[in-house]
């Protein structure tokens, strides 16, 4: 029979046997909670936490192998090197970039879905009757990567050697011009040119730059405003004739081709652009981190040289708030041009 003292001792030991694991578990939970709090505090103190913590999807709204796709892959590789996580390019062509842009606008605003965008982001705001997103409110322009000069080119058989010659000819006989599609930059640059010079021309839309250039060489159309990348080899091979560039600066690869503003159309200054966008509600620290990284990448000599090969002029400047102001002003500018071209809300 146990004495009262012995029974108390056994009872205390039993209580400790039950209590110690519970105390240990409680202490572990408290330590884990403290660790979670410290981790959260550390992330809060960091400009963008530990972003990115896993793979980032980099959408391209065109098929592989084009200039925009090539540029996205160059940037994605550099971002991966700088931030230590994969930036995987995913091509989502269709509906003139609207499908891909809508996908990004509706994606979680966490920085893990970004997109290579182009000037059509601003143009589409007026071109379409309705869009499933608001370009100025649902999307943030993270970085302005490059401007893309366009060049006024004609079929070599056309009896013109200058912009002045072309304007005179257009006032005496009907001319047709090609584009990469209704509302594409090729189309609107030509519409702007026609409105500023008082001439009328017939628009012939194609499914991209390449087929339009093919018909220009074949004489089925007389002129077009082409992006420099695909047009440059044809100019150098004398298959098409260059009359002027759309920007106020000459392009290094064609130093003898004047800007339109110097060739008879004062104040003409237009270029397409390439940029990176993300959902508008993405946390500002993440947008700022991407902005800083992309601006640095665009400043790299190897990237700038490769962009020149693609017919692009590197930019890589501006904060996210400044770029949002740029986007809003670009939407307003192209709205007027789309209205003048008579194609507002035509798509």
C-alpha atoms as a PDB file:
ATOM      1  CA  UNK A   1       0.000   0.000   0.000  1.00  0.00           C
ATOM      2  CA  UNK A   2       1.347   3.453  -0.947  1.00  0.00           C
ATOM      3  CA  UNK A   3       1.836   5.985   1.749  1.00  0.00           C
ATOM      4  CA  UNK A   4       0.226   9.383   1.336  1.00  0.00           C
ATOM      5  CA  UNK A   5       3.642  10.951   0.621  1.00  0.00           C
ATOM      6  CA  UNK A   6       4.517   8.300  -1.952  1.00  0.00           C
ATOM      7  CA  UNK A   7       1.135   8.726  -3.648  1.00  0.00           C
ATOM      8  CA  UNK A   8       1.652  12.471  -3.929  1.00  0.00           C
ATOM      9  CA  UNK A   9       5.072  11.956  -5.494  1.00  0.00           C
ATOM     10  CA  UNK A  10       3.674   9.532  -8.074  1.00  0.00           C
ATOM     11  CA  UNK A  11       0.815  11.922  -8.802  1.00  0.00           C
ATOM     12  CA  UNK A  12       3.213  14.832  -9.410  1.00  0.00           C
ATOM     13  CA  UNK A  13       5.313  12.693 -11.760  1.00  0.00           C
ATOM     14  CA  UNK A  14       2.191  11.700 -13.704  1.00  0.00           C
ATOM     15  CA  UNK A  15       1.167  15.313 -14.045  1.00  0.00           C
ATOM     16  CA  UNK A  16       4.625  16.270 -15.324  1.00  0.00           C
ATOM     17  CA  UNK A  17       4.527  13.399 -17.795  1.00  0.00           C
ATOM     18  CA  UNK A  18       1.300  14.796 -19.252  1.00  0.00           C
ATOM     19  CA  UNK A  19       2.203  18.477 -18.943  1.00  0.00           C
ATOM     20  CA  UNK A  20       5.726  18.508 -20.350  1.00  0.00           C
ATOM     21  CA  UNK A  21       4.789  17.505 -23.941  1.00  0.00           C
ATOM     22  CA  UNK A  22       1.985  20.061 -23.918  1.00  0.00           C
ATOM     23  CA  UNK A  23       4.371  22.734 -22.626  1.00  0.00           C
ATOM     24  CA  UNK A  24       6.957  21.767 -25.252  1.00  0.00           C
ATOM     25  CA  UNK A  25       4.357  21.889 -28.041  1.00  0.00           C
ATOM     26  CA  UNK A  26       3.126  25.254 -26.828  1.00  0.00           C
ATOM     27  CA  UNK A  27       6.664  26.610 -26.717  1.00  0.00           C
ATOM     28  CA  UNK A  28       7.283  25.341 -30.260  1.00  0.00           C
ATOM     29  CA  UNK A  29       4.108  27.010 -31.465  1.00  0.00           C
ATOM     30  CA  UNK A  30       5.123  30.262 -29.816  1.00  0.00           C
ATOM     31  CA  UNK A  31       8.606  30.087 -31.363  1.00  0.00           C
ATOM     32  CA  UNK A  32       7.050  29.324 -34.785  1.00  0.00           C
ATOM     33  CA  UNK A  33       4.644  32.227 -34.394  1.00  0.00           C
ATOM     34  CA  UNK A  34       7.518  34.535 -33.446  1.00  0.00           C
ATOM     35  CA  UNK A  35       9.488  33.290 -36.464  1.00  0.00           C
ATOM     36  CA  UNK A  36       6.502  33.949 -38.773  1.00  0.00           C
ATOM     37  CA  UNK A  37       6.178  37.439 -37.329  1.00  0.00           C
ATOM     38  CA  UNK A  38       9.884  38.093 -37.842  1.00  0.00           C
ATOM     39  CA  UNK A  39       9.695  36.790 -41.426  1.00  0.00           C
ATOM     40  CA  UNK A  40       6.688  38.993 -42.143  1.00  0.00           C
ATOM     41  CA  UNK A  41       8.449  41.985 -40.632  1.00  0.00           C
ATOM     42  CA  UNK A  42      11.572  41.277 -42.672  1.00  0.00           C
ATOM     43  CA  UNK A  43       9.490  41.083 -45.863  1.00  0.00           C
ATOM     44  CA  UNK A  44       7.695  44.286 -44.958  1.00  0.00           C
ATOM     45  CA  UNK A  45      11.031  46.049 -44.448  1.00  0.00           C
ATOM     46  CA  UNK A  46      12.308  44.797 -47.833  1.00  0.00           C
ATOM     47  CA  UNK A  47      11.380  46.939 -50.910  1.00  0.00           C
ATOM     48  CA  UNK A  48       9.484  44.025 -52.493  1.00  0.00           C
ATOM     49  CA  UNK A  49       9.779  41.263 -49.910  1.00  0.00           C
ATOM     50  CA  UNK A  50      11.493  38.223 -51.410  1.00  0.00           C
ATOM     51  CA  UNK A  51       9.911  38.735 -54.853  1.00  0.00           C
ATOM     52  CA  UNK A  52      10.105  36.713 -56.945  1.00  0.00           C
ATOM     53  CA  UNK A  53       9.835  33.528 -54.871  1.00  0.00           C
ATOM     54  CA  UNK A  54       8.978  31.308 -57.851  1.00  0.00           C
ATOM     55  CA  UNK A  55       8.600  31.339 -61.650  1.00  0.00           C
ATOM     56  CA  UNK A  56       7.228  34.461 -63.377  1.00  0.00           C
ATOM     57  CA  UNK A  57       5.162  34.075 -66.562  1.00  0.00           C
ATOM     58  CA  UNK A  58       6.159  36.592 -69.235  1.00  0.00           C
ATOM     59  CA  UNK A  59       3.341  36.861 -71.808  1.00  0.00           C
ATOM     60  CA  UNK A  60       4.001  37.834 -75.440  1.00  0.00           C
ATOM     61  CA  UNK A  61       0.849  38.765 -77.433  1.00  0.00           C
ATOM     62  CA  UNK A  62       2.345  37.567 -80.744  1.00  0.00           C
ATOM     63  CA  UNK A  63       3.629  34.354 -82.268  1.00  0.00           C
ATOM     64  CA  UNK A  64       7.242  33.284 -81.614  1.00  0.00           C
ATOM     65  CA  UNK A  65      10.219  34.647 -83.564  1.00  0.00           C
ATOM     66  CA  UNK A  66       8.983  38.221 -84.144  1.00  0.00           C
ATOM     67  CA  UNK A  67      10.678  41.334 -82.807  1.00  0.00           C
ATOM     68  CA  UNK A  68       8.491  41.580 -79.684  1.00  0.00           C
ATOM     69  CA  UNK A  69       9.032  37.896 -78.883  1.00  0.00           C
ATOM     70  CA  UNK A  70      12.786  38.211 -79.360  1.00  0.00           C
ATOM     71  CA  UNK A  71      12.930  41.265 -77.107  1.00  0.00           C
ATOM     72  CA  UNK A  72      10.888  39.544 -74.382  1.00  0.00           C
ATOM     73  CA  UNK A  73      13.248  36.569 -74.370  1.00  0.00           C
ATOM     74  CA  UNK A  74      16.274  38.851 -74.082  1.00  0.00           C
ATOM     75  CA  UNK A  75      14.717  40.706 -71.145  1.00  0.00           C
ATOM     76  CA  UNK A  76      13.469  37.507 -69.500  1.00  0.00           C
ATOM     77  CA  UNK A  77      16.942  35.979 -69.571  1.00  0.00           C
ATOM     78  CA  UNK A  78      18.455  39.067 -67.931  1.00  0.00           C
ATOM     79  CA  UNK A  79      15.676  39.255 -65.314  1.00  0.00           C
ATOM     80  CA  UNK A  80      16.268  35.613 -64.452  1.00  0.00           C
ATOM     81  CA  UNK A  81      19.973  36.264 -63.993  1.00  0.00           C
ATOM     82  CA  UNK A  82      19.342  39.314 -61.817  1.00  0.00           C
ATOM     83  CA  UNK A  83      16.491  37.975 -59.657  1.00  0.00           C
ATOM     84  CA  UNK A  84      17.334  34.277 -59.474  1.00  0.00           C
ATOM     85  CA  UNK A  85      13.999  32.843 -60.600  1.00  0.00           C
ATOM     86  CA  UNK A  86      12.774  31.760 -64.075  1.00  0.00           C
ATOM     87  CA  UNK A  87      10.976  34.276 -66.298  1.00  0.00           C
ATOM     88  CA  UNK A  88       9.248  31.978 -68.784  1.00  0.00           C
ATOM     89  CA  UNK A  89       7.942  33.435 -72.048  1.00  0.00           C
ATOM     90  CA  UNK A  90       4.444  32.281 -73.040  1.00  0.00           C
ATOM     91  CA  UNK A  91       3.081  33.275 -76.452  1.00  0.00           C
ATOM     92  CA  UNK A  92      -0.642  34.180 -76.577  1.00  0.00           C
ATOM     93  CA  UNK A  93      -1.340  35.616 -80.057  1.00  0.00           C
ATOM     94  CA  UNK A  94      -4.770  36.637 -81.291  1.00  0.00           C
ATOM     95  CA  UNK A  95      -7.250  39.497 -81.643  1.00  0.00           C
ATOM     96  CA  UNK A  96      -4.547  42.104 -82.137  1.00  0.00           C
ATOM     97  CA  UNK A  97      -3.087  41.663 -78.599  1.00  0.00           C
ATOM     98  CA  UNK A  98      -6.521  41.959 -76.909  1.00  0.00           C
ATOM     99  CA  UNK A  99      -6.683  38.295 -75.823  1.00  0.00           C
ATOM    100  CA  UNK A 100      -3.284  38.360 -74.148  1.00  0.00           C
ATOM    101  CA  UNK A 101      -3.837  41.782 -72.603  1.00  0.00           C
ATOM    102  CA  UNK A 102      -7.163  40.694 -71.118  1.00  0.00           C
ATOM    103  CA  UNK A 103      -5.503  37.586 -69.672  1.00  0.00           C
ATOM    104  CA  UNK A 104      -2.927  39.766 -67.905  1.00  0.00           C
ATOM    105  CA  UNK A 105      -5.489  42.333 -66.743  1.00  0.00           C
ATOM    106  CA  UNK A 106      -7.522  39.531 -65.122  1.00  0.00           C
ATOM    107  CA  UNK A 107      -4.507  37.729 -63.620  1.00  0.00           C
ATOM    108  CA  UNK A 108      -3.777  37.875 -59.876  1.00  0.00           C
ATOM    109  CA  UNK A 109      -1.970  41.179 -59.175  1.00  0.00           C
ATOM    110  CA  UNK A 110       1.028  39.569 -57.520  1.00  0.00           C
ATOM    111  CA  UNK A 111       3.840  40.211 -60.013  1.00  0.00           C
ATOM    112  CA  UNK A 112       3.904  36.648 -61.329  1.00  0.00           C
ATOM    113  CA  UNK A 113       2.188  37.451 -64.638  1.00  0.00           C
ATOM    114  CA  UNK A 114       3.651  40.273 -66.724  1.00  0.00           C
ATOM    115  CA  UNK A 115       3.490  41.008 -70.447  1.00  0.00           C
ATOM    116  CA  UNK A 116       5.439  42.541 -73.296  1.00  0.00           C
ATOM    117  CA  UNK A 117       3.066  45.207 -74.624  1.00  0.00           C
ATOM    118  CA  UNK A 118       3.095  47.556 -77.602  1.00  0.00           C
ATOM    119  CA  UNK A 119       1.517  50.836 -78.733  1.00  0.00           C
ATOM    120  CA  UNK A 120      -1.755  49.095 -79.539  1.00  0.00           C
ATOM    121  CA  UNK A 121      -2.472  49.192 -75.802  1.00  0.00           C
ATOM    122  CA  UNK A 122      -3.075  52.939 -76.177  1.00  0.00           C
ATOM    123  CA  UNK A 123      -4.629  52.747 -79.654  1.00  0.00           C
ATOM    124  CA  UNK A 124      -7.173  50.050 -78.759  1.00  0.00           C
ATOM    125  CA  UNK A 125      -8.855  52.291 -76.179  1.00  0.00           C
ATOM    126  CA  UNK A 126     -10.485  54.197 -79.056  1.00  0.00           C
ATOM    127  CA  UNK A 127     -10.328  51.630 -81.859  1.00  0.00           C
ATOM    128  CA  UNK A 128     -12.637  49.079 -80.205  1.00  0.00           C
ATOM    129  CA  UNK A 129     -16.327  49.498 -79.448  1.00  0.00           C
ATOM    130  CA  UNK A 130     -15.779  47.746 -76.153  1.00  0.00           C
ATOM    131  CA  UNK A 131     -12.793  46.142 -74.473  1.00  0.00           C
ATOM    132  CA  UNK A 132     -12.916  43.584 -71.644  1.00  0.00           C
ATOM    133  CA  UNK A 133     -10.487  45.804 -69.719  1.00  0.00           C
ATOM    134  CA  UNK A 134      -9.668  49.477 -69.296  1.00  0.00           C
ATOM    135  CA  UNK A 135      -6.090  50.068 -70.550  1.00  0.00           C
ATOM    136  CA  UNK A 136      -5.538  53.094 -68.319  1.00  0.00           C
ATOM    137  CA  UNK A 137      -7.075  51.650 -65.136  1.00  0.00           C
ATOM    138  CA  UNK A 138      -6.620  47.875 -65.197  1.00  0.00           C
ATOM    139  CA  UNK A 139      -2.983  47.783 -66.278  1.00  0.00           C
ATOM    140  CA  UNK A 140       0.253  49.372 -65.110  1.00  0.00           C
ATOM    141  CA  UNK A 141       3.095  50.240 -67.492  1.00  0.00           C
ATOM    142  CA  UNK A 142       6.062  48.810 -65.587  1.00  0.00           C
ATOM    143  CA  UNK A 143       8.810  49.829 -68.010  1.00  0.00           C
ATOM    144  CA  UNK A 144       9.129  51.668 -71.317  1.00  0.00           C
ATOM    145  CA  UNK A 145      11.720  49.528 -73.037  1.00  0.00           C
ATOM    146  CA  UNK A 146      12.048  50.903 -76.568  1.00  0.00           C
ATOM    147  CA  UNK A 147      10.673  53.146 -79.266  1.00  0.00           C
ATOM    148  CA  UNK A 148      10.258  51.611 -82.713  1.00  0.00           C
ATOM    149  CA  UNK A 149      10.820  54.068 -85.585  1.00  0.00           C
ATOM    150  CA  UNK A 150       8.775  53.448 -88.707  1.00  0.00           C
ATOM    151  CA  UNK A 151       9.906  54.346 -92.189  1.00  0.00           C
ATOM    152  CA  UNK A 152       7.977  55.566 -95.212  1.00  0.00           C
ATOM    153  CA  UNK A 153       8.841  53.238 -98.092  1.00  0.00           C
ATOM    154  CA  UNK A 154       7.641  53.056-101.699  1.00  0.00           C
ATOM    155  CA  UNK A 155       7.837  50.652-104.589  1.00  0.00           C
ATOM    156  CA  UNK A 156      11.014  51.479-106.590  1.00  0.00           C
ATOM    157  CA  UNK A 157       8.994  51.887-109.796  1.00  0.00           C
ATOM    158  CA  UNK A 158       7.046  54.791-108.317  1.00  0.00           C
ATOM    159  CA  UNK A 159       8.436  57.999-109.877  1.00  0.00           C
ATOM    160  CA  UNK A 160       9.251  59.683-106.579  1.00  0.00           C
ATOM    161  CA  UNK A 161      12.531  60.303-104.764  1.00  0.00           C
ATOM    162  CA  UNK A 162      11.332  62.464-101.901  1.00  0.00           C
ATOM    163  CA  UNK A 163       8.368  63.060 -99.620  1.00  0.00           C
ATOM    164  CA  UNK A 164       7.587  66.213-101.581  1.00  0.00           C
ATOM    165  CA  UNK A 165       7.442  64.169-104.801  1.00  0.00           C
ATOM    166  CA  UNK A 166       5.112  61.666-103.145  1.00  0.00           C
ATOM    167  CA  UNK A 167       2.708  64.335-101.908  1.00  0.00           C
ATOM    168  CA  UNK A 168       2.544  65.915-105.369  1.00  0.00           C
ATOM    169  CA  UNK A 169       1.894  62.538-106.994  1.00  0.00           C
ATOM    170  CA  UNK A 170      -0.794  61.599-104.451  1.00  0.00           C
ATOM    171  CA  UNK A 171      -2.673  64.790-105.324  1.00  0.00           C
ATOM    172  CA  UNK A 172      -2.816  63.845-109.026  1.00  0.00           C
ATOM    173  CA  UNK A 173      -3.489  60.076-108.961  1.00  0.00           C
ATOM    174  CA  UNK A 174      -4.914  57.521-106.507  1.00  0.00           C
ATOM    175  CA  UNK A 175      -2.354  55.686-104.379  1.00  0.00           C
ATOM    176  CA  UNK A 176      -2.800  52.757-102.034  1.00  0.00           C
ATOM    177  CA  UNK A 177      -0.853  51.944 -98.895  1.00  0.00           C
ATOM    178  CA  UNK A 178      -0.490  48.749 -96.914  1.00  0.00           C
ATOM    179  CA  UNK A 179      -0.493  48.036 -93.198  1.00  0.00           C
ATOM    180  CA  UNK A 180      -0.288  45.179 -90.748  1.00  0.00           C
ATOM    181  CA  UNK A 181      -4.030  45.497 -90.078  1.00  0.00           C
ATOM    182  CA  UNK A 182      -6.760  47.990 -89.253  1.00  0.00           C
ATOM    183  CA  UNK A 183      -5.611  50.142 -86.344  1.00  0.00           C
ATOM    184  CA  UNK A 184      -2.031  48.873 -86.490  1.00  0.00           C
ATOM    185  CA  UNK A 185       0.711  51.469 -86.174  1.00  0.00           C
ATOM    186  CA  UNK A 186       1.449  51.176 -89.926  1.00  0.00           C
ATOM    187  CA  UNK A 187      -2.156  52.182 -90.610  1.00  0.00           C
ATOM    188  CA  UNK A 188      -2.304  55.100 -88.165  1.00  0.00           C
ATOM    189  CA  UNK A 189       1.070  56.522 -89.181  1.00  0.00           C
ATOM    190  CA  UNK A 190      -0.190  56.680 -92.763  1.00  0.00           C
ATOM    191  CA  UNK A 191      -3.510  58.193 -91.625  1.00  0.00           C
ATOM    192  CA  UNK A 192      -1.622  60.846 -89.681  1.00  0.00           C
ATOM    193  CA  UNK A 193       0.585  61.536 -92.717  1.00  0.00           C
ATOM    194  CA  UNK A 194      -2.483  61.902 -94.975  1.00  0.00           C
ATOM    195  CA  UNK A 195      -4.258  64.260 -92.567  1.00  0.00           C
ATOM    196  CA  UNK A 196      -1.170  66.451 -92.146  1.00  0.00           C
ATOM    197  CA  UNK A 197      -0.520  66.719 -95.895  1.00  0.00           C
ATOM    198  CA  UNK A 198      -4.102  66.928 -97.151  1.00  0.00           C
ATOM    199  CA  UNK A 199      -3.877  63.876 -99.409  1.00  0.00           C
ATOM    200  CA  UNK A 200      -6.191  60.895 -99.769  1.00  0.00           C
ATOM    201  CA  UNK A 201      -5.014  57.308-100.146  1.00  0.00           C
ATOM    202  CA  UNK A 202      -6.651  53.880-100.121  1.00  0.00           C
ATOM    203  CA  UNK A 203      -5.849  51.645 -97.153  1.00  0.00           C
ATOM    204  CA  UNK A 204      -5.124  47.963 -97.840  1.00  0.00           C
ATOM    205  CA  UNK A 205      -4.825  46.009 -94.559  1.00  0.00           C
ATOM    206  CA  UNK A 206      -2.785  42.782 -94.343  1.00  0.00           C
ATOM    207  CA  UNK A 207      -2.223  40.160 -91.679  1.00  0.00           C
ATOM    208  CA  UNK A 208       1.142  41.533 -90.625  1.00  0.00           C
ATOM    209  CA  UNK A 209       4.111  43.460 -91.982  1.00  0.00           C
ATOM    210  CA  UNK A 210       5.647  40.678 -94.104  1.00  0.00           C
ATOM    211  CA  UNK A 211       2.734  40.146 -96.531  1.00  0.00           C
ATOM    212  CA  UNK A 212       2.308  43.906 -96.910  1.00  0.00           C
ATOM    213  CA  UNK A 213       5.980  44.306 -97.803  1.00  0.00           C
ATOM    214  CA  UNK A 214       5.694  41.433-100.281  1.00  0.00           C
ATOM    215  CA  UNK A 215       2.848  43.184-102.092  1.00  0.00           C
ATOM    216  CA  UNK A 216       4.748  46.485-101.964  1.00  0.00           C
ATOM    217  CA  UNK A 217       7.670  44.845-103.758  1.00  0.00           C
ATOM    218  CA  UNK A 218       5.230  43.273-106.218  1.00  0.00           C
ATOM    219  CA  UNK A 219       3.668  46.642-107.043  1.00  0.00           C
ATOM    220  CA  UNK A 220       0.173  45.755-105.756  1.00  0.00           C
ATOM    221  CA  UNK A 221       0.386  48.718-103.355  1.00  0.00           C
ATOM    222  CA  UNK A 222       2.522  51.812-103.826  1.00  0.00           C
ATOM    223  CA  UNK A 223       3.707  52.675-100.308  1.00  0.00           C
ATOM    224  CA  UNK A 224       3.525  51.869 -96.609  1.00  0.00           C
ATOM    225  CA  UNK A 225       4.908  52.856 -93.246  1.00  0.00           C
ATOM    226  CA  UNK A 226       6.946  49.845 -92.173  1.00  0.00           C
ATOM    227  CA  UNK A 227       8.725  49.000 -88.945  1.00  0.00           C
ATOM    228  CA  UNK A 228      12.435  49.271 -89.484  1.00  0.00           C
ATOM    229  CA  UNK A 229      13.431  45.700 -88.578  1.00  0.00           C
ATOM    230  CA  UNK A 230      11.803  43.857 -91.506  1.00  0.00           C
ATOM    231  CA  UNK A 231      12.121  46.785 -93.932  1.00  0.00           C
ATOM    232  CA  UNK A 232      15.846  47.479 -93.519  1.00  0.00           C
ATOM    233  CA  UNK A 233      17.205  44.435 -95.439  1.00  0.00           C
ATOM    234  CA  UNK A 234      14.824  45.186 -98.324  1.00  0.00           C
ATOM    235  CA  UNK A 235      15.924  48.834 -98.411  1.00  0.00           C
ATOM    236  CA  UNK A 236      19.582  47.837 -98.498  1.00  0.00           C
ATOM    237  CA  UNK A 237      18.841  45.357-101.302  1.00  0.00           C
ATOM    238  CA  UNK A 238      17.084  48.135-103.303  1.00  0.00           C
ATOM    239  CA  UNK A 239      13.836  46.163-103.325  1.00  0.00           C
ATOM    240  CA  UNK A 240      11.960  49.100-101.777  1.00  0.00           C
ATOM    241  CA  UNK A 241      12.879  52.796-101.529  1.00  0.00           C
ATOM    242  CA  UNK A 242      13.050  54.680 -98.223  1.00  0.00           C
ATOM    243  CA  UNK A 243      11.833  58.294 -98.212  1.00  0.00           C
ATOM    244  CA  UNK A 244      11.701  59.297 -94.539  1.00  0.00           C
ATOM    245  CA  UNK A 245      11.572  58.107 -90.942  1.00  0.00           C
ATOM    246  CA  UNK A 246       8.675  58.909 -88.609  1.00  0.00           C
ATOM    247  CA  UNK A 247      10.768  60.166 -85.680  1.00  0.00           C
ATOM    248  CA  UNK A 248      12.518  63.527 -85.399  1.00  0.00           C
ATOM    249  CA  UNK A 249      15.824  61.683 -84.998  1.00  0.00           C
ATOM    250  CA  UNK A 250      17.526  59.905 -87.870  1.00  0.00           C
ATOM    251  CA  UNK A 251      18.181  56.216 -87.521  1.00  0.00           C
ATOM    252  CA  UNK A 252      21.846  55.201 -87.364  1.00  0.00           C
ATOM    253  CA  UNK A 253      21.408  52.396 -89.908  1.00  0.00           C
ATOM    254  CA  UNK A 254      19.979  54.876 -92.474  1.00  0.00           C
ATOM    255  CA  UNK A 255      21.802  58.143 -91.821  1.00  0.00           C
ATOM    256  CA  UNK A 256      20.845  59.646 -95.203  1.00  0.00           C
ATOM    257  CA  UNK A 257      17.099  59.116 -94.763  1.00  0.00           C
ATOM    258  CA  UNK A 258      15.592  62.302 -93.269  1.00  0.00           C
ATOM    259  CA  UNK A 259      12.849  62.594 -90.652  1.00  0.00           C
ATOM    260  CA  UNK A 260       9.434  63.484 -92.051  1.00  0.00           C
ATOM    261  CA  UNK A 261       9.604  66.692 -90.017  1.00  0.00           C
ATOM    262  CA  UNK A 262      12.588  67.753 -92.168  1.00  0.00           C
ATOM    263  CA  UNK A 263      11.201  66.391 -95.425  1.00  0.00           C
ATOM    264  CA  UNK A 264       8.100  68.521 -95.847  1.00  0.00           C
ATOM    265  CA  UNK A 265       5.825  67.530 -92.923  1.00  0.00           C
ATOM    266  CA  UNK A 266       6.791  69.806 -90.009  1.00  0.00           C
ATOM    267  CA  UNK A 267       6.024  68.510 -86.484  1.00  0.00           C
ATOM    268  CA  UNK A 268       5.542  64.918 -87.639  1.00  0.00           C
ATOM    269  CA  UNK A 269       6.917  62.755 -84.845  1.00  0.00           C
ATOM    270  CA  UNK A 270       5.563  59.280 -84.203  1.00  0.00           C
ATOM    271  CA  UNK A 271       7.022  56.001 -83.050  1.00  0.00           C
ATOM    272  CA  UNK A 272       5.573  52.768 -81.808  1.00  0.00           C
ATOM    273  CA  UNK A 273       6.786  51.554 -78.427  1.00  0.00           C
ATOM    274  CA  UNK A 274       7.567  48.346 -76.614  1.00  0.00           C
ATOM    275  CA  UNK A 275       6.970  48.104 -72.875  1.00  0.00           C
ATOM    276  CA  UNK A 276       6.249  45.737 -70.002  1.00  0.00           C
ATOM    277  CA  UNK A 277       2.862  45.780 -68.268  1.00  0.00           C
ATOM    278  CA  UNK A 278       1.328  44.127 -65.197  1.00  0.00           C
ATOM    279  CA  UNK A 279      -2.090  44.151 -63.490  1.00  0.00           C
ATOM    280  CA  UNK A 280      -2.707  47.615 -62.062  1.00  0.00           C
ATOM    281  CA  UNK A 281      -3.271  46.427 -58.485  1.00  0.00           C
ATOM    282  CA  UNK A 282       0.142  44.747 -58.273  1.00  0.00           C
ATOM    283  CA  UNK A 283       1.854  46.027 -55.090  1.00  0.00           C
ATOM    284  CA  UNK A 284       3.860  49.157 -55.800  1.00  0.00           C
ATOM    285  CA  UNK A 285       7.105  47.755 -54.292  1.00  0.00           C
ATOM    286  CA  UNK A 286       6.995  44.880 -56.804  1.00  0.00           C
ATOM    287  CA  UNK A 287       6.272  47.228 -59.710  1.00  0.00           C
ATOM    288  CA  UNK A 288       9.134  49.468 -58.579  1.00  0.00           C
ATOM    289  CA  UNK A 289      11.510  46.497 -58.344  1.00  0.00           C
ATOM    290  CA  UNK A 290      10.648  45.328 -61.856  1.00  0.00           C
ATOM    291  CA  UNK A 291      10.936  48.898 -63.144  1.00  0.00           C
ATOM    292  CA  UNK A 292      14.393  49.336 -61.654  1.00  0.00           C
ATOM    293  CA  UNK A 293      15.642  45.975 -62.970  1.00  0.00           C
ATOM    294  CA  UNK A 294      14.273  46.519 -66.480  1.00  0.00           C
ATOM    295  CA  UNK A 295      15.667  50.051 -66.707  1.00  0.00           C
ATOM    296  CA  UNK A 296      19.086  48.686 -65.719  1.00  0.00           C
ATOM    297  CA  UNK A 297      18.852  45.863 -68.257  1.00  0.00           C
ATOM    298  CA  UNK A 298      17.965  48.237 -71.102  1.00  0.00           C
ATOM    299  CA  UNK A 299      21.110  50.192 -70.220  1.00  0.00           C
ATOM    300  CA  UNK A 300      23.371  47.172 -70.846  1.00  0.00           C
ATOM    301  CA  UNK A 301      25.558  47.453 -73.936  1.00  0.00           C
ATOM    302  CA  UNK A 302      24.755  43.979 -75.267  1.00  0.00           C
ATOM    303  CA  UNK A 303      21.010  44.560 -74.947  1.00  0.00           C
ATOM    304  CA  UNK A 304      21.212  47.965 -76.635  1.00  0.00           C
ATOM    305  CA  UNK A 305      23.219  46.504 -79.520  1.00  0.00           C
ATOM    306  CA  UNK A 306      20.726  43.679 -79.985  1.00  0.00           C
ATOM    307  CA  UNK A 307      17.799  46.121 -79.902  1.00  0.00           C
ATOM    308  CA  UNK A 308      19.460  48.213 -82.607  1.00  0.00           C
ATOM    309  CA  UNK A 309      19.626  45.057 -84.744  1.00  0.00           C
ATOM    310  CA  UNK A 310      15.867  44.682 -84.228  1.00  0.00           C
ATOM    311  CA  UNK A 311      15.252  48.256 -85.424  1.00  0.00           C
ATOM    312  CA  UNK A 312      14.476  49.579 -81.951  1.00  0.00           C
ATOM    313  CA  UNK A 313      15.701  52.624 -80.029  1.00  0.00           C
ATOM    314  CA  UNK A 314      16.348  51.760 -76.353  1.00  0.00           C
ATOM    315  CA  UNK A 315      14.574  53.846 -73.684  1.00  0.00           C
ATOM    316  CA  UNK A 316      14.759  52.307 -70.200  1.00  0.00           C
ATOM    317  CA  UNK A 317      13.793  55.457 -68.307  1.00  0.00           C
ATOM    318  CA  UNK A 318      10.948  56.643 -66.085  1.00  0.00           C
ATOM    319  CA  UNK A 319       9.388  55.566 -62.800  1.00  0.00           C
ATOM    320  CA  UNK A 320       6.095  53.666 -62.668  1.00  0.00           C
ATOM    321  CA  UNK A 321       4.035  56.817 -61.873  1.00  0.00           C
ATOM    322  CA  UNK A 322       5.767  58.701 -64.717  1.00  0.00           C
ATOM    323  CA  UNK A 323       5.093  55.842 -67.135  1.00  0.00           C
ATOM    324  CA  UNK A 324       1.435  55.760 -66.130  1.00  0.00           C
ATOM    325  CA  UNK A 325       1.208  59.438 -67.079  1.00  0.00           C
ATOM    326  CA  UNK A 326       2.903  58.597 -70.397  1.00  0.00           C
ATOM    327  CA  UNK A 327       0.326  55.858 -71.063  1.00  0.00           C
ATOM    328  CA  UNK A 328      -2.591  58.165 -70.299  1.00  0.00           C
ATOM    329  CA  UNK A 329      -1.224  60.893 -72.599  1.00  0.00           C
ATOM    330  CA  UNK A 330      -0.572  58.315 -75.344  1.00  0.00           C
ATOM    331  CA  UNK A 331      -4.168  57.082 -75.113  1.00  0.00           C
ATOM    332  CA  UNK A 332      -5.376  60.689 -75.517  1.00  0.00           C
ATOM    333  CA  UNK A 333      -3.010  61.364 -78.441  1.00  0.00           C
ATOM    334  CA  UNK A 334      -3.937  58.262 -80.438  1.00  0.00           C
ATOM    335  CA  UNK A 335      -7.611  58.812 -79.702  1.00  0.00           C
ATOM    336  CA  UNK A 336      -7.487  61.934 -81.861  1.00  0.00           C
ATOM    337  CA  UNK A 337      -5.627  60.149 -84.664  1.00  0.00           C
ATOM    338  CA  UNK A 338      -8.004  57.166 -84.639  1.00  0.00           C
ATOM    339  CA  UNK A 339     -10.980  59.561 -84.765  1.00  0.00           C
ATOM    340  CA  UNK A 340      -9.396  61.472 -87.695  1.00  0.00           C
ATOM    341  CA  UNK A 341      -8.770  58.186 -89.545  1.00  0.00           C
ATOM    342  CA  UNK A 342     -12.478  57.407 -89.248  1.00  0.00           C
ATOM    343  CA  UNK A 343     -11.958  54.061 -87.538  1.00  0.00           C
ATOM    344  CA  UNK A 344     -12.972  54.898 -83.965  1.00  0.00           C
ATOM    345  CA  UNK A 345     -14.958  52.029 -82.398  1.00  0.00           C
ATOM    346  CA  UNK A 346     -14.777  50.145 -85.687  1.00  0.00           C
ATOM    347  CA  UNK A 347     -13.514  46.869 -84.193  1.00  0.00           C
END
